[in-house]
Amino acid sequence: ARTRLEAVNKAIAGGIITPAGQDLYWNP
């Protein structure tokens, strides 16, 4: 990545981090 935004987008697309503000509740 060349920018902060690009790094974040690549990390989210690859499942490395969770998108900010996403619902974090799930009960298996």
mmCIF file of all heavy atoms, coordinates in Angstrom:
data_MODEL
# 
_entry.id   MODEL 
# 
loop_
_atom_site.group_PDB 
_atom_site.id 
_atom_site.type_symbol 
_atom_site.label_atom_id 
_atom_site.label_alt_id 
_atom_site.label_comp_id 
_atom_site.label_asym_id 
_atom_site.label_entity_id 
_atom_site.label_seq_id 
_atom_site.pdbx_PDB_ins_code 
_atom_site.Cartn_x 
_atom_site.Cartn_y 
_atom_site.Cartn_z 
_atom_site.occupancy 
_atom_site.B_iso_or_equiv 
_atom_site.pdbx_formal_charge 
_atom_site.auth_seq_id 
_atom_site.auth_comp_id 
_atom_site.auth_asym_id 
_atom_site.auth_atom_id 
_atom_site.pdbx_PDB_model_num 
ATOM 1   N N   . ALA A 1 1  ? 0.835   -1.205  0.000  1.00 0.00 ? 1  ALA A N   1 
ATOM 2   C CA  . ALA A 1 1  ? 0.000   0.000   0.000  1.00 0.00 ? 1  ALA A CA  1 
ATOM 3   C C   . ALA A 1 1  ? 0.868   1.252   0.000  1.00 0.00 ? 1  ALA A C   1 
ATOM 4   O O   . ALA A 1 1  ? 1.986   1.257   0.512  1.00 0.00 ? 1  ALA A O   1 
ATOM 5   C CB  . ALA A 1 1  ? -0.919  0.000   1.221  1.00 0.00 ? 1  ALA A CB  1 
ATOM 6   N N   . ARG A 1 2  ? 0.331   2.324   -0.573 1.00 0.00 ? 2  ARG A N   1 
ATOM 7   C CA  . ARG A 1 2  ? 1.073   3.584   -0.620 1.00 0.00 ? 2  ARG A CA  1 
ATOM 8   C C   . ARG A 1 2  ? 0.491   4.633   0.318  1.00 0.00 ? 2  ARG A C   1 
ATOM 9   O O   . ARG A 1 2  ? 1.163   5.605   0.645  1.00 0.00 ? 2  ARG A O   1 
ATOM 10  C CB  . ARG A 1 2  ? 1.089   4.127   -2.044 1.00 0.00 ? 2  ARG A CB  1 
ATOM 11  C CG  . ARG A 1 2  ? 1.912   3.282   -3.023 1.00 0.00 ? 2  ARG A CG  1 
ATOM 12  C CD  . ARG A 1 2  ? 1.729   3.746   -4.448 1.00 0.00 ? 2  ARG A CD  1 
ATOM 13  N NE  . ARG A 1 2  ? 0.358   3.516   -4.903 1.00 0.00 ? 2  ARG A NE  1 
ATOM 14  C CZ  . ARG A 1 2  ? -0.100  3.854   -6.107 1.00 0.00 ? 2  ARG A CZ  1 
ATOM 15  N NH1 . ARG A 1 2  ? 0.711   4.460   -6.973 1.00 0.00 ? 2  ARG A NH1 1 
ATOM 16  N NH2 . ARG A 1 2  ? -1.344  3.591   -6.443 1.00 0.00 ? 2  ARG A NH2 1 
ATOM 17  N N   . THR A 1 3  ? -0.754  4.454   0.729  1.00 0.00 ? 3  THR A N   1 
ATOM 18  C CA  . THR A 1 3  ? -1.403  5.422   1.610  1.00 0.00 ? 3  THR A CA  1 
ATOM 19  C C   . THR A 1 3  ? -2.097  4.703   2.754  1.00 0.00 ? 3  THR A C   1 
ATOM 20  O O   . THR A 1 3  ? -2.321  3.482   2.707  1.00 0.00 ? 3  THR A O   1 
ATOM 21  C CB  . THR A 1 3  ? -2.457  6.242   0.850  1.00 0.00 ? 3  THR A CB  1 
ATOM 22  O OG1 . THR A 1 3  ? -3.535  5.372   0.459  1.00 0.00 ? 3  THR A OG1 1 
ATOM 23  C CG2 . THR A 1 3  ? -1.845  6.907   -0.379 1.00 0.00 ? 3  THR A CG2 1 
ATOM 24  N N   . ARG A 1 4  ? -2.459  5.458   3.769  1.00 0.00 ? 4  ARG A N   1 
ATOM 25  C CA  . ARG A 1 4  ? -3.179  4.892   4.915  1.00 0.00 ? 4  ARG A CA  1 
ATOM 26  C C   . ARG A 1 4  ? -4.512  4.297   4.478  1.00 0.00 ? 4  ARG A C   1 
ATOM 27  O O   . ARG A 1 4  ? -4.886  3.201   4.897  1.00 0.00 ? 4  ARG A O   1 
ATOM 28  C CB  . ARG A 1 4  ? -3.398  5.983   5.975  1.00 0.00 ? 4  ARG A CB  1 
ATOM 29  C CG  . ARG A 1 4  ? -2.113  6.543   6.551  1.00 0.00 ? 4  ARG A CG  1 
ATOM 30  C CD  . ARG A 1 4  ? -2.351  7.890   7.220  1.00 0.00 ? 4  ARG A CD  1 
ATOM 31  N NE  . ARG A 1 4  ? -2.993  7.765   8.508  1.00 0.00 ? 4  ARG A NE  1 
ATOM 32  C CZ  . ARG A 1 4  ? -2.347  7.739   9.668  1.00 0.00 ? 4  ARG A CZ  1 
ATOM 33  N NH1 . ARG A 1 4  ? -1.024  7.814   9.695  1.00 0.00 ? 4  ARG A NH1 1 
ATOM 34  N NH2 . ARG A 1 4  ? -3.004  7.660   10.805 1.00 0.00 ? 4  ARG A NH2 1 
ATOM 35  N N   . LEU A 1 5  ? -5.233  5.033   3.612  1.00 0.00 ? 5  LEU A N   1 
ATOM 36  C CA  . LEU A 1 5  ? -6.531  4.550   3.150  1.00 0.00 ? 5  LEU A CA  1 
ATOM 37  C C   . LEU A 1 5  ? -6.402  3.257   2.368  1.00 0.00 ? 5  LEU A C   1 
ATOM 38  O O   . LEU A 1 5  ? -7.190  2.321   2.547  1.00 0.00 ? 5  LEU A O   1 
ATOM 39  C CB  . LEU A 1 5  ? -7.211  5.624   2.292  1.00 0.00 ? 5  LEU A CB  1 
ATOM 40  C CG  . LEU A 1 5  ? -8.590  5.251   1.726  1.00 0.00 ? 5  LEU A CG  1 
ATOM 41  C CD1 . LEU A 1 5  ? -9.560  4.929   2.857  1.00 0.00 ? 5  LEU A CD1 1 
ATOM 42  C CD2 . LEU A 1 5  ? -9.124  6.387   0.859  1.00 0.00 ? 5  LEU A CD2 1 
ATOM 43  N N   . GLU A 1 6  ? -5.385  3.189   1.514  1.00 0.00 ? 6  GLU A N   1 
ATOM 44  C CA  . GLU A 1 6  ? -5.178  1.976   0.724  1.00 0.00 ? 6  GLU A CA  1 
ATOM 45  C C   . GLU A 1 6  ? -4.834  0.798   1.629  1.00 0.00 ? 6  GLU A C   1 
ATOM 46  O O   . GLU A 1 6  ? -5.312  -0.330  1.410  1.00 0.00 ? 6  GLU A O   1 
ATOM 47  C CB  . GLU A 1 6  ? -4.063  2.198   -0.300 1.00 0.00 ? 6  GLU A CB  1 
ATOM 48  C CG  . GLU A 1 6  ? -3.894  1.021   -1.266 1.00 0.00 ? 6  GLU A CG  1 
ATOM 49  C CD  . GLU A 1 6  ? -2.811  1.251   -2.297 1.00 0.00 ? 6  GLU A CD  1 
ATOM 50  O OE1 . GLU A 1 6  ? -2.113  2.297   -2.215 1.00 0.00 ? 6  GLU A OE1 1 
ATOM 51  O OE2 . GLU A 1 6  ? -2.629  0.384   -3.177 1.00 0.00 ? 6  GLU A OE2 1 
ATOM 52  N N   . ALA A 1 7  ? -4.020  1.040   2.652  1.00 0.00 ? 7  ALA A N   1 
ATOM 53  C CA  . ALA A 1 7  ? -3.658  -0.033  3.584  1.00 0.00 ? 7  ALA A CA  1 
ATOM 54  C C   . ALA A 1 7  ? -4.885  -0.543  4.316  1.00 0.00 ? 7  ALA A C   1 
ATOM 55  O O   . ALA A 1 7  ? -5.084  -1.759  4.464  1.00 0.00 ? 7  ALA A O   1 
ATOM 56  C CB  . ALA A 1 7  ? -2.617  0.478   4.573  1.00 0.00 ? 7  ALA A CB  1 
ATOM 57  N N   . VAL A 1 8  ? -5.733  0.388   4.763  1.00 0.00 ? 8  VAL A N   1 
ATOM 58  C CA  . VAL A 1 8  ? -6.952  -0.007  5.483  1.00 0.00 ? 8  VAL A CA  1 
ATOM 59  C C   . VAL A 1 8  ? -7.872  -0.794  4.571  1.00 0.00 ? 8  VAL A C   1 
ATOM 60  O O   . VAL A 1 8  ? -8.408  -1.846  4.953  1.00 0.00 ? 8  VAL A O   1 
ATOM 61  C CB  . VAL A 1 8  ? -7.672  1.238   6.040  1.00 0.00 ? 8  VAL A CB  1 
ATOM 62  C CG1 . VAL A 1 8  ? -9.071  0.871   6.545  1.00 0.00 ? 8  VAL A CG1 1 
ATOM 63  C CG2 . VAL A 1 8  ? -6.861  1.859   7.167  1.00 0.00 ? 8  VAL A CG2 1 
ATOM 64  N N   . ASN A 1 9  ? -8.063  -0.307  3.350  1.00 0.00 ? 9  ASN A N   1 
ATOM 65  C CA  . ASN A 1 9  ? -8.964  -0.998  2.415  1.00 0.00 ? 9  ASN A CA  1 
ATOM 66  C C   . ASN A 1 9  ? -8.468  -2.399  2.075  1.00 0.00 ? 9  ASN A C   1 
ATOM 67  O O   . ASN A 1 9  ? -9.254  -3.347  2.000  1.00 0.00 ? 9  ASN A O   1 
ATOM 68  C CB  . ASN A 1 9  ? -9.114  -0.170  1.137  1.00 0.00 ? 9  ASN A CB  1 
ATOM 69  C CG  . ASN A 1 9  ? -9.977  1.059   1.340  1.00 0.00 ? 9  ASN A CG  1 
ATOM 70  O OD1 . ASN A 1 9  ? -10.769 1.114   2.279  1.00 0.00 ? 9  ASN A OD1 1 
ATOM 71  N ND2 . ASN A 1 9  ? -9.828  2.052   0.477  1.00 0.00 ? 9  ASN A ND2 1 
ATOM 72  N N   . LYS A 1 10 ? -7.154  -2.539  1.867  1.00 0.00 ? 10 LYS A N   1 
ATOM 73  C CA  . LYS A 1 10 ? -6.602  -3.859  1.572  1.00 0.00 ? 10 LYS A CA  1 
ATOM 74  C C   . LYS A 1 10 ? -6.745  -4.792  2.772  1.00 0.00 ? 10 LYS A C   1 
ATOM 75  O O   . LYS A 1 10 ? -7.034  -5.989  2.613  1.00 0.00 ? 10 LYS A O   1 
ATOM 76  C CB  . LYS A 1 10 ? -5.130  -3.739  1.173  1.00 0.00 ? 10 LYS A CB  1 
ATOM 77  C CG  . LYS A 1 10 ? -4.915  -3.204  -0.231 1.00 0.00 ? 10 LYS A CG  1 
ATOM 78  C CD  . LYS A 1 10 ? -3.470  -3.372  -0.675 1.00 0.00 ? 10 LYS A CD  1 
ATOM 79  C CE  . LYS A 1 10 ? -3.304  -3.024  -2.145 1.00 0.00 ? 10 LYS A CE  1 
ATOM 80  N NZ  . LYS A 1 10 ? -1.943  -3.313  -2.645 1.00 0.00 ? 10 LYS A NZ  1 
ATOM 81  N N   . ALA A 1 11 ? -6.538  -4.262  3.969  1.00 0.00 ? 11 ALA A N   1 
ATOM 82  C CA  . ALA A 1 11 ? -6.647  -5.088  5.173  1.00 0.00 ? 11 ALA A CA  1 
ATOM 83  C C   . ALA A 1 11 ? -8.075  -5.544  5.400  1.00 0.00 ? 11 ALA A C   1 
ATOM 84  O O   . ALA A 1 11 ? -8.322  -6.688  5.794  1.00 0.00 ? 11 ALA A O   1 
ATOM 85  C CB  . ALA A 1 11 ? -6.146  -4.304  6.373  1.00 0.00 ? 11 ALA A CB  1 
ATOM 86  N N   . ILE A 1 12 ? -9.039  -4.659  5.146  1.00 0.00 ? 12 ILE A N   1 
ATOM 87  C CA  . ILE A 1 12 ? -10.442 -5.028  5.301  1.00 0.00 ? 12 ILE A CA  1 
ATOM 88  C C   . ILE A 1 12 ? -10.840 -6.067  4.252  1.00 0.00 ? 12 ILE A C   1 
ATOM 89  O O   . ILE A 1 12 ? -11.500 -7.068  4.562  1.00 0.00 ? 12 ILE A O   1 
ATOM 90  C CB  . ILE A 1 12 ? -11.346 -3.783  5.188  1.00 0.00 ? 12 ILE A CB  1 
ATOM 91  C CG1 . ILE A 1 12 ? -11.142 -2.878  6.405  1.00 0.00 ? 12 ILE A CG1 1 
ATOM 92  C CG2 . ILE A 1 12 ? -12.816 -4.188  5.082  1.00 0.00 ? 12 ILE A CG2 1 
ATOM 93  C CD1 . ILE A 1 12 ? -11.861 -1.552  6.306  1.00 0.00 ? 12 ILE A CD1 1 
ATOM 94  N N   . ALA A 1 13 ? -10.419 -5.838  3.019  1.00 0.00 ? 13 ALA A N   1 
ATOM 95  C CA  . ALA A 1 13 ? -10.754 -6.778  1.942  1.00 0.00 ? 13 ALA A CA  1 
ATOM 96  C C   . ALA A 1 13 ? -10.180 -8.163  2.204  1.00 0.00 ? 13 ALA A C   1 
ATOM 97  O O   . ALA A 1 13 ? -10.786 -9.181  1.854  1.00 0.00 ? 13 ALA A O   1 
ATOM 98  C CB  . ALA A 1 13 ? -10.238 -6.242  0.607  1.00 0.00 ? 13 ALA A CB  1 
ATOM 99  N N   . GLY A 1 14 ? -9.011  -8.213  2.840  1.00 0.00 ? 14 GLY A N   1 
ATOM 100 C CA  . GLY A 1 14 ? -8.383  -9.501  3.117  1.00 0.00 ? 14 GLY A CA  1 
ATOM 101 C C   . GLY A 1 14 ? -8.774  -10.103 4.438  1.00 0.00 ? 14 GLY A C   1 
ATOM 102 O O   . GLY A 1 14 ? -8.297  -11.176 4.808  1.00 0.00 ? 14 GLY A O   1 
ATOM 103 N N   . GLY A 1 15 ? -9.653  -9.414  5.194  1.00 0.00 ? 15 GLY A N   1 
ATOM 104 C CA  . GLY A 1 15 ? -10.088 -9.944  6.483  1.00 0.00 ? 15 GLY A CA  1 
ATOM 105 C C   . GLY A 1 15 ? -9.071  -9.786  7.585  1.00 0.00 ? 15 GLY A C   1 
ATOM 106 O O   . GLY A 1 15 ? -9.162  -10.434 8.618  1.00 0.00 ? 15 GLY A O   1 
ATOM 107 N N   . ILE A 1 16 ? -8.072  -8.906  7.379  1.00 0.00 ? 16 ILE A N   1 
ATOM 108 C CA  . ILE A 1 16 ? -7.047  -8.716  8.409  1.00 0.00 ? 16 ILE A CA  1 
ATOM 109 C C   . ILE A 1 16 ? -7.587  -7.900  9.567  1.00 0.00 ? 16 ILE A C   1 
ATOM 110 O O   . ILE A 1 16 ? -7.275  -8.142  10.726 1.00 0.00 ? 16 ILE A O   1 
ATOM 111 C CB  . ILE A 1 16 ? -5.797  -8.035  7.802  1.00 0.00 ? 16 ILE A CB  1 
ATOM 112 C CG1 . ILE A 1 16 ? -5.197  -8.938  6.733  1.00 0.00 ? 16 ILE A CG1 1 
ATOM 113 C CG2 . ILE A 1 16 ? -4.768  -7.719  8.866  1.00 0.00 ? 16 ILE A CG2 1 
ATOM 114 C CD1 . ILE A 1 16 ? -4.027  -8.310  6.000  1.00 0.00 ? 16 ILE A CD1 1 
ATOM 115 N N   . ILE A 1 17 ? -8.431  -6.885  9.258  1.00 0.00 ? 17 ILE A N   1 
ATOM 116 C CA  . ILE A 1 17 ? -9.081  -6.109  10.302 1.00 0.00 ? 17 ILE A CA  1 
ATOM 117 C C   . ILE A 1 17 ? -10.562 -6.006  9.989  1.00 0.00 ? 17 ILE A C   1 
ATOM 118 O O   . ILE A 1 17 ? -10.999 -6.267  8.863  1.00 0.00 ? 17 ILE A O   1 
ATOM 119 C CB  . ILE A 1 17 ? -8.479  -4.690  10.448 1.00 0.00 ? 17 ILE A CB  1 
ATOM 120 C CG1 . ILE A 1 17 ? -8.679  -3.886  9.151  1.00 0.00 ? 17 ILE A CG1 1 
ATOM 121 C CG2 . ILE A 1 17 ? -7.012  -4.761  10.832 1.00 0.00 ? 17 ILE A CG2 1 
ATOM 122 C CD1 . ILE A 1 17 ? -8.274  -2.428  9.286  1.00 0.00 ? 17 ILE A CD1 1 
ATOM 123 N N   . THR A 1 18 ? -11.335 -5.617  10.995 1.00 0.00 ? 18 THR A N   1 
ATOM 124 C CA  . THR A 1 18 ? -12.771 -5.446  10.845 1.00 0.00 ? 18 THR A CA  1 
ATOM 125 C C   . THR A 1 18 ? -13.073 -3.993  10.541 1.00 0.00 ? 18 THR A C   1 
ATOM 126 O O   . THR A 1 18 ? -12.488 -3.105  11.159 1.00 0.00 ? 18 THR A O   1 
ATOM 127 C CB  . THR A 1 18 ? -13.494 -5.863  12.146 1.00 0.00 ? 18 THR A CB  1 
ATOM 128 O OG1 . THR A 1 18 ? -13.186 -7.226  12.423 1.00 0.00 ? 18 THR A OG1 1 
ATOM 129 C CG2 . THR A 1 18 ? -14.997 -5.713  12.015 1.00 0.00 ? 18 THR A CG2 1 
ATOM 130 N N   . PRO A 1 19 ? -13.986 -3.696  9.624  1.00 0.00 ? 19 PRO A N   1 
ATOM 131 C CA  . PRO A 1 19 ? -14.329 -2.304  9.328  1.00 0.00 ? 19 PRO A CA  1 
ATOM 132 C C   . PRO A 1 19 ? -14.782 -1.556  10.571 1.00 0.00 ? 19 PRO A C   1 
ATOM 133 O O   . PRO A 1 19 ? -15.535 -2.090  11.389 1.00 0.00 ? 19 PRO A O   1 
ATOM 134 C CB  . PRO A 1 19 ? -15.474 -2.423  8.315  1.00 0.00 ? 19 PRO A CB  1 
ATOM 135 C CG  . PRO A 1 19 ? -15.297 -3.761  7.709  1.00 0.00 ? 19 PRO A CG  1 
ATOM 136 C CD  . PRO A 1 19 ? -14.743 -4.636  8.795  1.00 0.00 ? 19 PRO A CD  1 
ATOM 137 N N   . ALA A 1 20 ? -14.318 -0.302  10.728 1.00 0.00 ? 20 ALA A N   1 
ATOM 138 C CA  . ALA A 1 20 ? -14.710 0.510   11.878 1.00 0.00 ? 20 ALA A CA  1 
ATOM 139 C C   . ALA A 1 20 ? -16.211 0.735   11.854 1.00 0.00 ? 20 ALA A C   1 
ATOM 140 O O   . ALA A 1 20 ? -16.811 0.996   10.814 1.00 0.00 ? 20 ALA A O   1 
ATOM 141 C CB  . ALA A 1 20 ? -13.977 1.849   11.841 1.00 0.00 ? 20 ALA A CB  1 
ATOM 142 N N   . GLY A 1 21 ? -16.816 0.603   13.039 1.00 0.00 ? 21 GLY A N   1 
ATOM 143 C CA  . GLY A 1 21 ? -18.240 0.865   13.160 1.00 0.00 ? 21 GLY A CA  1 
ATOM 144 C C   . GLY A 1 21 ? -19.117 -0.324  12.823 1.00 0.00 ? 21 GLY A C   1 
ATOM 145 O O   . GLY A 1 21 ? -20.327 -0.256  12.906 1.00 0.00 ? 21 GLY A O   1 
ATOM 146 N N   . GLN A 1 22 ? -18.515 -1.439  12.440 1.00 0.00 ? 22 GLN A N   1 
ATOM 147 C CA  . GLN A 1 22 ? -19.311 -2.619  12.077 1.00 0.00 ? 22 GLN A CA  1 
ATOM 148 C C   . GLN A 1 22 ? -19.935 -3.251  13.318 1.00 0.00 ? 22 GLN A C   1 
ATOM 149 O O   . GLN A 1 22 ? -19.382 -3.239  14.400 1.00 0.00 ? 22 GLN A O   1 
ATOM 150 C CB  . GLN A 1 22 ? -18.413 -3.639  11.383 1.00 0.00 ? 22 GLN A CB  1 
ATOM 151 C CG  . GLN A 1 22 ? -19.120 -4.933  11.019 1.00 0.00 ? 22 GLN A CG  1 
ATOM 152 C CD  . GLN A 1 22 ? -18.154 -5.892  10.356 1.00 0.00 ? 22 GLN A CD  1 
ATOM 153 O OE1 . GLN A 1 22 ? -17.489 -5.565  9.405  1.00 0.00 ? 22 GLN A OE1 1 
ATOM 154 N NE2 . GLN A 1 22 ? -18.086 -7.082  10.884 1.00 0.00 ? 22 GLN A NE2 1 
ATOM 155 N N   . ASP A 1 23 ? -21.098 -3.831  13.143 1.00 0.00 ? 23 ASP A N   1 
ATOM 156 C CA  . ASP A 1 23 ? -21.751 -4.572  14.209 1.00 0.00 ? 23 ASP A CA  1 
ATOM 157 C C   . ASP A 1 23 ? -20.873 -5.729  14.635 1.00 0.00 ? 23 ASP A C   1 
ATOM 158 O O   . ASP A 1 23 ? -20.443 -6.535  13.836 1.00 0.00 ? 23 ASP A O   1 
ATOM 159 C CB  . ASP A 1 23 ? -23.108 -5.113  13.706 1.00 0.00 ? 23 ASP A CB  1 
ATOM 160 C CG  . ASP A 1 23 ? -23.822 -5.924  14.761 1.00 0.00 ? 23 ASP A CG  1 
ATOM 161 O OD1 . ASP A 1 23 ? -23.471 -5.821  15.938 1.00 0.00 ? 23 ASP A OD1 1 
ATOM 162 O OD2 . ASP A 1 23 ? -24.756 -6.630  14.383 1.00 0.00 ? 23 ASP A OD2 1 
ATOM 163 N N   . LEU A 1 24 ? -20.574 -5.797  15.945 1.00 0.00 ? 24 LEU A N   1 
ATOM 164 C CA  . LEU A 1 24 ? -19.649 -6.816  16.424 1.00 0.00 ? 24 LEU A CA  1 
ATOM 165 C C   . LEU A 1 24 ? -20.338 -7.917  17.219 1.00 0.00 ? 24 LEU A C   1 
ATOM 166 O O   . LEU A 1 24 ? -19.690 -8.651  17.953 1.00 0.00 ? 24 LEU A O   1 
ATOM 167 C CB  . LEU A 1 24 ? -18.579 -6.153  17.313 1.00 0.00 ? 24 LEU A CB  1 
ATOM 168 C CG  . LEU A 1 24 ? -17.632 -5.191  16.587 1.00 0.00 ? 24 LEU A CG  1 
ATOM 169 C CD1 . LEU A 1 24 ? -16.679 -4.575  17.594 1.00 0.00 ? 24 LEU A CD1 1 
ATOM 170 C CD2 . LEU A 1 24 ? -16.860 -5.901  15.493 1.00 0.00 ? 24 LEU A CD2 1 
ATOM 171 N N   . TYR A 1 25 ? -21.637 -8.030  17.101 1.00 0.00 ? 25 TYR A N   1 
ATOM 172 C CA  . TYR A 1 25 ? -22.334 -9.036  17.893 1.00 0.00 ? 25 TYR A CA  1 
ATOM 173 C C   . TYR A 1 25 ? -22.794 -10.189 17.009 1.00 0.00 ? 25 TYR A C   1 
ATOM 174 O O   . TYR A 1 25 ? -23.436 -9.987  15.991 1.00 0.00 ? 25 TYR A O   1 
ATOM 175 C CB  . TYR A 1 25 ? -23.565 -8.419  18.571 1.00 0.00 ? 25 TYR A CB  1 
ATOM 176 C CG  . TYR A 1 25 ? -23.241 -7.225  19.406 1.00 0.00 ? 25 TYR A CG  1 
ATOM 177 C CD1 . TYR A 1 25 ? -23.390 -5.942  18.894 1.00 0.00 ? 25 TYR A CD1 1 
ATOM 178 C CD2 . TYR A 1 25 ? -22.737 -7.376  20.689 1.00 0.00 ? 25 TYR A CD2 1 
ATOM 179 C CE1 . TYR A 1 25 ? -23.065 -4.840  19.660 1.00 0.00 ? 25 TYR A CE1 1 
ATOM 180 C CE2 . TYR A 1 25 ? -22.415 -6.271  21.463 1.00 0.00 ? 25 TYR A CE2 1 
ATOM 181 C CZ  . TYR A 1 25 ? -22.597 -5.005  20.935 1.00 0.00 ? 25 TYR A CZ  1 
ATOM 182 O OH  . TYR A 1 25 ? -22.288 -3.906  21.690 1.00 0.00 ? 25 TYR A OH  1 
ATOM 183 N N   . TRP A 1 26 ? -22.409 -11.372 17.424 1.00 0.00 ? 26 TRP A N   1 
ATOM 184 C CA  . TRP A 1 26 ? -22.886 -12.563 16.715 1.00 0.00 ? 26 TRP A CA  1 
ATOM 185 C C   . TRP A 1 26 ? -22.761 -13.740 17.652 1.00 0.00 ? 26 TRP A C   1 
ATOM 186 O O   . TRP A 1 26 ? -21.707 -14.001 18.217 1.00 0.00 ? 26 TRP A O   1 
ATOM 187 C CB  . TRP A 1 26 ? -22.082 -12.812 15.452 1.00 0.00 ? 26 TRP A CB  1 
ATOM 188 C CG  . TRP A 1 26 ? -22.717 -13.864 14.585 1.00 0.00 ? 26 TRP A CG  1 
ATOM 189 C CD1 . TRP A 1 26 ? -23.762 -13.730 13.730 1.00 0.00 ? 26 TRP A CD1 1 
ATOM 190 C CD2 . TRP A 1 26 ? -22.323 -15.244 14.510 1.00 0.00 ? 26 TRP A CD2 1 
ATOM 191 N NE1 . TRP A 1 26 ? -24.053 -14.920 13.125 1.00 0.00 ? 26 TRP A NE1 1 
ATOM 192 C CE2 . TRP A 1 26 ? -23.184 -15.866 13.585 1.00 0.00 ? 26 TRP A CE2 1 
ATOM 193 C CE3 . TRP A 1 26 ? -21.330 -16.013 15.127 1.00 0.00 ? 26 TRP A CE3 1 
ATOM 194 C CZ2 . TRP A 1 26 ? -23.075 -17.207 13.261 1.00 0.00 ? 26 TRP A CZ2 1 
ATOM 195 C CZ3 . TRP A 1 26 ? -21.239 -17.346 14.798 1.00 0.00 ? 26 TRP A CZ3 1 
ATOM 196 C CH2 . TRP A 1 26 ? -22.110 -17.940 13.883 1.00 0.00 ? 26 TRP A CH2 1 
ATOM 197 N N   . ASN A 1 27 ? -23.828 -14.441 17.831 1.00 0.00 ? 27 ASN A N   1 
ATOM 198 C CA  . ASN A 1 27 ? -23.842 -15.595 18.723 1.00 0.00 ? 27 ASN A CA  1 
ATOM 199 C C   . ASN A 1 27 ? -23.950 -16.873 17.920 1.00 0.00 ? 27 ASN A C   1 
ATOM 200 O O   . ASN A 1 27 ? -25.001 -17.140 17.323 1.00 0.00 ? 27 ASN A O   1 
ATOM 201 C CB  . ASN A 1 27 ? -25.025 -15.526 19.700 1.00 0.00 ? 27 ASN A CB  1 
ATOM 202 C CG  . ASN A 1 27 ? -24.901 -14.340 20.632 1.00 0.00 ? 27 ASN A CG  1 
ATOM 203 O OD1 . ASN A 1 27 ? -23.817 -13.886 20.927 1.00 0.00 ? 27 ASN A OD1 1 
ATOM 204 N ND2 . ASN A 1 27 ? -26.041 -13.821 21.084 1.00 0.00 ? 27 ASN A ND2 1 
ATOM 205 N N   . PRO A 1 28 ? -22.881 -17.664 17.868 1.00 0.00 ? 28 PRO A N   1 
ATOM 206 C CA  . PRO A 1 28 ? -22.940 -18.904 17.080 1.00 0.00 ? 28 PRO A CA  1 
ATOM 207 C C   . PRO A 1 28 ? -23.874 -19.918 17.735 1.00 0.00 ? 28 PRO A C   1 
ATOM 208 O O   . PRO A 1 28 ? -24.098 -19.864 18.922 1.00 0.00 ? 28 PRO A O   1 
ATOM 209 C CB  . PRO A 1 28 ? -21.492 -19.388 17.102 1.00 0.00 ? 28 PRO A CB  1 
ATOM 210 C CG  . PRO A 1 28 ? -20.911 -18.808 18.347 1.00 0.00 ? 28 PRO A CG  1 
ATOM 211 C CD  . PRO A 1 28 ? -21.611 -17.494 18.545 1.00 0.00 ? 28 PRO A CD  1 
# 
